[in-house]
Amino acid sequence: IEIATAGVVVGIYADRPRVAAAAAQTI
């Protein structure tokens, strides 16, 4: 999951889609 927010891009790389989605909700 790649999130462009404010002046950065946050890349989330996970071994399971559920983990990536949870990280996107809590970063």
PDB file of all heavy atoms in Angstrom:
ATOM      1  N   ILE A   1       0.862  -1.176   0.000  1.00  0.00           N
ATOM      2  CA  ILE A   1       0.000   0.000   0.000  1.00  0.00           C
ATOM      3  C   ILE A   1       0.899   1.227   0.000  1.00  0.00           C
ATOM      4  O   ILE A   1       1.815   1.325   0.818  1.00  0.00           O
ATOM      5  CB  ILE A   1      -0.939   0.017   1.224  1.00  0.00           C
ATOM      6  CG1 ILE A   1      -1.845  -1.216   1.217  1.00  0.00           C
ATOM      7  CG2 ILE A   1      -1.759   1.311   1.241  1.00  0.00           C
ATOM      8  CD1 ILE A   1      -2.728  -1.358   2.445  1.00  0.00           C
ATOM      9  N   GLU A   2       0.659   2.139  -0.943  1.00  0.00           N
ATOM     10  CA  GLU A   2       1.419   3.388  -1.042  1.00  0.00           C
ATOM     11  C   GLU A   2       0.472   4.540  -0.726  1.00  0.00           C
ATOM     12  O   GLU A   2      -0.575   4.681  -1.355  1.00  0.00           O
ATOM     13  CB  GLU A   2       1.992   3.557  -2.448  1.00  0.00           C
ATOM     14  CG  GLU A   2       2.996   2.489  -2.834  1.00  0.00           C
ATOM     15  CD  GLU A   2       4.373   2.707  -2.249  1.00  0.00           C
ATOM     16  OE1 GLU A   2       4.696   3.857  -1.885  1.00  0.00           O
ATOM     17  OE2 GLU A   2       5.122   1.729  -2.161  1.00  0.00           O
ATOM     18  N   ILE A   3       0.862   5.355   0.250  1.00  0.00           N
ATOM     19  CA  ILE A   3       0.022   6.459   0.703  1.00  0.00           C
ATOM     20  C   ILE A   3       0.790   7.765   0.536  1.00  0.00           C
ATOM     21  O   ILE A   3       1.802   7.978   1.197  1.00  0.00           O
ATOM     22  CB  ILE A   3      -0.370   6.284   2.183  1.00  0.00           C
ATOM     23  CG1 ILE A   3      -1.038   4.931   2.419  1.00  0.00           C
ATOM     24  CG2 ILE A   3      -1.268   7.432   2.635  1.00  0.00           C
ATOM     25  CD1 ILE A   3      -1.255   4.579   3.878  1.00  0.00           C
ATOM     26  N   ALA A   4       0.311   8.635  -0.353  1.00  0.00           N
ATOM     27  CA  ALA A   4       0.875   9.979  -0.485  1.00  0.00           C
ATOM     28  C   ALA A   4       0.084  10.881   0.450  1.00  0.00           C
ATOM     29  O   ALA A   4      -1.112  11.103   0.256  1.00  0.00           O
ATOM     30  CB  ALA A   4       0.775  10.454  -1.919  1.00  0.00           C
ATOM     31  N   THR A   5       0.751  11.357   1.487  1.00  0.00           N
ATOM     32  CA  THR A   5       0.085  12.186   2.492  1.00  0.00           C
ATOM     33  C   THR A   5       1.047  13.288   2.930  1.00  0.00           C
ATOM     34  O   THR A   5       2.238  13.034   3.118  1.00  0.00           O
ATOM     35  CB  THR A   5      -0.380  11.347   3.700  1.00  0.00           C
ATOM     36  OG1 THR A   5      -0.984  12.190   4.671  1.00  0.00           O
ATOM     37  CG2 THR A   5       0.737  10.561   4.333  1.00  0.00           C
ATOM     38  N   ALA A   6       0.522  14.491   3.050  1.00  0.00           N
ATOM     39  CA  ALA A   6       1.343  15.661   3.385  1.00  0.00           C
ATOM     40  C   ALA A   6       2.513  15.723   2.408  1.00  0.00           C
ATOM     41  O   ALA A   6       2.305  15.630   1.212  1.00  0.00           O
ATOM     42  CB  ALA A   6       1.775  15.614   4.837  1.00  0.00           C
ATOM     43  N   GLY A   7       3.735  15.842   2.880  1.00  0.00           N
ATOM     44  CA  GLY A   7       4.897  15.949   2.003  1.00  0.00           C
ATOM     45  C   GLY A   7       5.677  14.667   1.858  1.00  0.00           C
ATOM     46  O   GLY A   7       6.843  14.699   1.467  1.00  0.00           O
ATOM     47  N   VAL A   8       5.077  13.518   2.169  1.00  0.00           N
ATOM     48  CA  VAL A   8       5.779  12.239   2.098  1.00  0.00           C
ATOM     49  C   VAL A   8       4.945  11.189   1.374  1.00  0.00           C
ATOM     50  O   VAL A   8       3.756  11.374   1.149  1.00  0.00           O
ATOM     51  CB  VAL A   8       6.132  11.698   3.509  1.00  0.00           C
ATOM     52  CG1 VAL A   8       7.033  12.660   4.265  1.00  0.00           C
ATOM     53  CG2 VAL A   8       4.885  11.394   4.310  1.00  0.00           C
ATOM     54  N   VAL A   9       5.609  10.089   1.034  1.00  0.00           N
ATOM     55  CA  VAL A   9       4.915   8.891   0.577  1.00  0.00           C
ATOM     56  C   VAL A   9       5.271   7.788   1.559  1.00  0.00           C
ATOM     57  O   VAL A   9       6.446   7.549   1.848  1.00  0.00           O
ATOM     58  CB  VAL A   9       5.328   8.484  -0.848  1.00  0.00           C
ATOM     59  CG1 VAL A   9       4.707   7.153  -1.230  1.00  0.00           C
ATOM     60  CG2 VAL A   9       4.917   9.558  -1.853  1.00  0.00           C
ATOM     61  N   VAL A  10       4.247   7.137   2.099  1.00  0.00           N
ATOM     62  CA  VAL A  10       4.442   6.046   3.039  1.00  0.00           C
ATOM     63  C   VAL A  10       4.192   4.737   2.287  1.00  0.00           C
ATOM     64  O   VAL A  10       3.117   4.544   1.726  1.00  0.00           O
ATOM     65  CB  VAL A  10       3.486   6.153   4.245  1.00  0.00           C
ATOM     66  CG1 VAL A  10       3.681   4.976   5.192  1.00  0.00           C
ATOM     67  CG2 VAL A  10       3.689   7.477   4.967  1.00  0.00           C
ATOM     68  N   GLY A  11       5.196   3.877   2.260  1.00  0.00           N
ATOM     69  CA  GLY A  11       5.060   2.564   1.644  1.00  0.00           C
ATOM     70  C   GLY A  11       4.884   1.512   2.726  1.00  0.00           C
ATOM     71  O   GLY A  11       5.666   1.457   3.682  1.00  0.00           O
ATOM     72  N   ILE A  12       3.847   0.711   2.591  1.00  0.00           N
ATOM     73  CA  ILE A  12       3.579  -0.361   3.547  1.00  0.00           C
ATOM     74  C   ILE A  12       3.748  -1.676   2.802  1.00  0.00           C
ATOM     75  O   ILE A  12       3.103  -1.891   1.775  1.00  0.00           O
ATOM     76  CB  ILE A  12       2.153  -0.246   4.125  1.00  0.00           C
ATOM     77  CG1 ILE A  12       2.012   1.089   4.887  1.00  0.00           C
ATOM     78  CG2 ILE A  12       1.819  -1.434   5.017  1.00  0.00           C
ATOM     79  CD1 ILE A  12       0.600   1.402   5.307  1.00  0.00           C
ATOM     80  N   TYR A  13       4.617  -2.534   3.303  1.00  0.00           N
ATOM     81  CA  TYR A  13       4.920  -3.816   2.666  1.00  0.00           C
ATOM     82  C   TYR A  13       4.717  -4.908   3.701  1.00  0.00           C
ATOM     83  O   TYR A  13       5.378  -4.914   4.740  1.00  0.00           O
ATOM     84  CB  TYR A  13       6.369  -3.825   2.158  1.00  0.00           C
ATOM     85  CG  TYR A  13       6.679  -2.596   1.340  1.00  0.00           C
ATOM     86  CD1 TYR A  13       7.285  -1.482   1.918  1.00  0.00           C
ATOM     87  CD2 TYR A  13       6.315  -2.523   0.003  1.00  0.00           C
ATOM     88  CE1 TYR A  13       7.542  -0.342   1.180  1.00  0.00           C
ATOM     89  CE2 TYR A  13       6.573  -1.380  -0.747  1.00  0.00           C
ATOM     90  CZ  TYR A  13       7.186  -0.297  -0.147  1.00  0.00           C
ATOM     91  OH  TYR A  13       7.429   0.843  -0.884  1.00  0.00           O
ATOM     92  N   ALA A  14       3.782  -5.824   3.435  1.00  0.00           N
ATOM     93  CA  ALA A  14       3.431  -6.830   4.433  1.00  0.00           C
ATOM     94  C   ALA A  14       3.375  -8.218   3.817  1.00  0.00           C
ATOM     95  O   ALA A  14       3.173  -8.371   2.609  1.00  0.00           O
ATOM     96  CB  ALA A  14       2.091  -6.481   5.071  1.00  0.00           C
ATOM     97  N   ASP A  15       3.524  -9.221   4.670  1.00  0.00           N
ATOM     98  CA  ASP A  15       3.442 -10.599   4.193  1.00  0.00           C
ATOM     99  C   ASP A  15       2.001 -11.049   3.997  1.00  0.00           C
ATOM    100  O   ASP A  15       1.739 -12.041   3.339  1.00  0.00           O
ATOM    101  CB  ASP A  15       4.201 -11.557   5.121  1.00  0.00           C
ATOM    102  CG  ASP A  15       3.585 -11.692   6.510  1.00  0.00           C
ATOM    103  OD1 ASP A  15       2.843 -10.779   6.940  1.00  0.00           O
ATOM    104  OD2 ASP A  15       3.848 -12.709   7.171  1.00  0.00           O
ATOM    105  N   ARG A  16       1.049 -10.291   4.567  1.00  0.00           N
ATOM    106  CA  ARG A  16      -0.386 -10.603   4.398  1.00  0.00           C
ATOM    107  C   ARG A  16      -1.153  -9.312   4.146  1.00  0.00           C
ATOM    108  O   ARG A  16      -0.894  -8.304   4.813  1.00  0.00           O
ATOM    109  CB  ARG A  16      -0.928 -11.302   5.644  1.00  0.00           C
ATOM    110  CG  ARG A  16      -0.329 -12.700   5.845  1.00  0.00           C
ATOM    111  CD  ARG A  16      -0.766 -13.241   7.153  1.00  0.00           C
ATOM    112  NE  ARG A  16      -0.240 -12.319   8.185  1.00  0.00           N
ATOM    113  CZ  ARG A  16      -0.181 -12.569   9.458  1.00  0.00           C
ATOM    114  NH1 ARG A  16      -0.633 -13.694   9.921  1.00  0.00           N
ATOM    115  NH2 ARG A  16       0.299 -11.695  10.316  1.00  0.00           N
ATOM    116  N   PRO A  17      -2.109  -9.329   3.225  1.00  0.00           N
ATOM    117  CA  PRO A  17      -2.895  -8.130   2.954  1.00  0.00           C
ATOM    118  C   PRO A  17      -3.597  -7.568   4.189  1.00  0.00           C
ATOM    119  O   PRO A  17      -3.691  -6.354   4.355  1.00  0.00           O
ATOM    120  CB  PRO A  17      -3.916  -8.597   1.912  1.00  0.00           C
ATOM    121  CG  PRO A  17      -3.249  -9.737   1.227  1.00  0.00           C
ATOM    122  CD  PRO A  17      -2.436 -10.422   2.296  1.00  0.00           C
ATOM    123  N   ARG A  18      -4.054  -8.435   5.074  1.00  0.00           N
ATOM    124  CA  ARG A  18      -4.724  -7.987   6.300  1.00  0.00           C
ATOM    125  C   ARG A  18      -3.779  -7.150   7.167  1.00  0.00           C
ATOM    126  O   ARG A  18      -4.181  -6.151   7.767  1.00  0.00           O
ATOM    127  CB  ARG A  18      -5.233  -9.206   7.065  1.00  0.00           C
ATOM    128  CG  ARG A  18      -5.975  -8.889   8.347  1.00  0.00           C
ATOM    129  CD  ARG A  18      -6.479 -10.149   9.032  1.00  0.00           C
ATOM    130  NE  ARG A  18      -5.439 -11.102   9.386  1.00  0.00           N
ATOM    131  CZ  ARG A  18      -4.643 -10.993  10.459  1.00  0.00           C
ATOM    132  NH1 ARG A  18      -4.759  -9.991  11.281  1.00  0.00           N
ATOM    133  NH2 ARG A  18      -3.731 -11.919  10.704  1.00  0.00           N
ATOM    134  N   VAL A  19      -2.511  -7.527   7.221  1.00  0.00           N
ATOM    135  CA  VAL A  19      -1.521  -6.784   8.006  1.00  0.00           C
ATOM    136  C   VAL A  19      -1.267  -5.415   7.368  1.00  0.00           C
ATOM    137  O   VAL A  19      -1.199  -4.394   8.059  1.00  0.00           O
ATOM    138  CB  VAL A  19      -0.213  -7.598   8.133  1.00  0.00           C
ATOM    139  CG1 VAL A  19       0.897  -6.772   8.755  1.00  0.00           C
ATOM    140  CG2 VAL A  19      -0.452  -8.867   8.942  1.00  0.00           C
ATOM    141  N   ALA A  20      -1.144  -5.374   6.033  1.00  0.00           N
ATOM    142  CA  ALA A  20      -0.940  -4.100   5.342  1.00  0.00           C
ATOM    143  C   ALA A  20      -2.125  -3.166   5.568  1.00  0.00           C
ATOM    144  O   ALA A  20      -1.944  -1.975   5.852  1.00  0.00           O
ATOM    145  CB  ALA A  20      -0.720  -4.342   3.852  1.00  0.00           C
ATOM    146  N   ALA A  21      -3.342  -3.683   5.454  1.00  0.00           N
ATOM    147  CA  ALA A  21      -4.536  -2.865   5.651  1.00  0.00           C
ATOM    148  C   ALA A  21      -4.608  -2.333   7.080  1.00  0.00           C
ATOM    149  O   ALA A  21      -4.959  -1.165   7.301  1.00  0.00           O
ATOM    150  CB  ALA A  21      -5.787  -3.671   5.314  1.00  0.00           C
ATOM    151  N   ALA A  22      -4.268  -3.144   8.048  1.00  0.00           N
ATOM    152  CA  ALA A  22      -4.281  -2.703   9.449  1.00  0.00           C
ATOM    153  C   ALA A  22      -3.240  -1.608   9.668  1.00  0.00           C
ATOM    154  O   ALA A  22      -3.500  -0.629  10.373  1.00  0.00           O
ATOM    155  CB  ALA A  22      -4.027  -3.886  10.385  1.00  0.00           C
ATOM    156  N   ALA A  23      -2.065  -1.752   9.060  1.00  0.00           N
ATOM    157  CA  ALA A  23      -1.027  -0.726   9.195  1.00  0.00           C
ATOM    158  C   ALA A  23      -1.491   0.590   8.580  1.00  0.00           C
ATOM    159  O   ALA A  23      -1.274   1.662   9.153  1.00  0.00           O
ATOM    160  CB  ALA A  23       0.264  -1.196   8.538  1.00  0.00           C
ATOM    161  N   ALA A  24      -2.164   0.525   7.430  1.00  0.00           N
ATOM    162  CA  ALA A  24      -2.659   1.744   6.788  1.00  0.00           C
ATOM    163  C   ALA A  24      -3.673   2.466   7.676  1.00  0.00           C
ATOM    164  O   ALA A  24      -3.750   3.696   7.670  1.00  0.00           O
ATOM    165  CB  ALA A  24      -3.283   1.414   5.431  1.00  0.00           C
ATOM    166  N   GLN A  25      -4.426   1.725   8.446  1.00  0.00           N
ATOM    167  CA  GLN A  25      -5.428   2.324   9.331  1.00  0.00           C
ATOM    168  C   GLN A  25      -4.812   2.895  10.606  1.00  0.00           C
ATOM    169  O   GLN A  25      -5.456   3.695  11.291  1.00  0.00           O
ATOM    170  CB  GLN A  25      -6.504   1.292   9.692  1.00  0.00           C
ATOM    171  CG  GLN A  25      -7.391   0.916   8.545  1.00  0.00           C
ATOM    172  CD  GLN A  25      -8.209   2.089   8.022  1.00  0.00           C
ATOM    173  OE1 GLN A  25      -8.588   3.002   8.741  1.00  0.00           O
ATOM    174  NE2 GLN A  25      -8.476   2.073   6.723  1.00  0.00           N
ATOM    175  N   THR A  26      -3.582   2.500  10.937  1.00  0.00           N
ATOM    176  CA  THR A  26      -3.021   2.907  12.226  1.00  0.00           C
ATOM    177  C   THR A  26      -1.733   3.710  12.145  1.00  0.00           C
ATOM    178  O   THR A  26      -1.221   4.124  13.187  1.00  0.00           O
ATOM    179  CB  THR A  26      -2.780   1.669  13.121  1.00  0.00           C
ATOM    180  OG1 THR A  26      -1.893   0.774  12.445  1.00  0.00           O
ATOM    181  CG2 THR A  26      -4.084   0.963  13.449  1.00  0.00           C
ATOM    182  N   ILE A  27      -1.173   3.948  10.944  1.00  0.00           N
ATOM    183  CA  ILE A  27       0.077   4.712  10.876  1.00  0.00           C
ATOM    184  C   ILE A  27      -0.124   6.105  11.465  1.00  0.00           C
ATOM    185  O   ILE A  27      -1.208   6.678  11.389  1.00  0.00           O
ATOM    186  CB  ILE A  27       0.634   4.821   9.439  1.00  0.00           C
ATOM    187  CG1 ILE A  27      -0.369   5.519   8.517  1.00  0.00           C
ATOM    188  CG2 ILE A  27       1.083   3.480   8.921  1.00  0.00           C
ATOM    189  CD1 ILE A  27       0.208   5.906   7.170  1.00  0.00           C
TER     190      ILE A  27
END
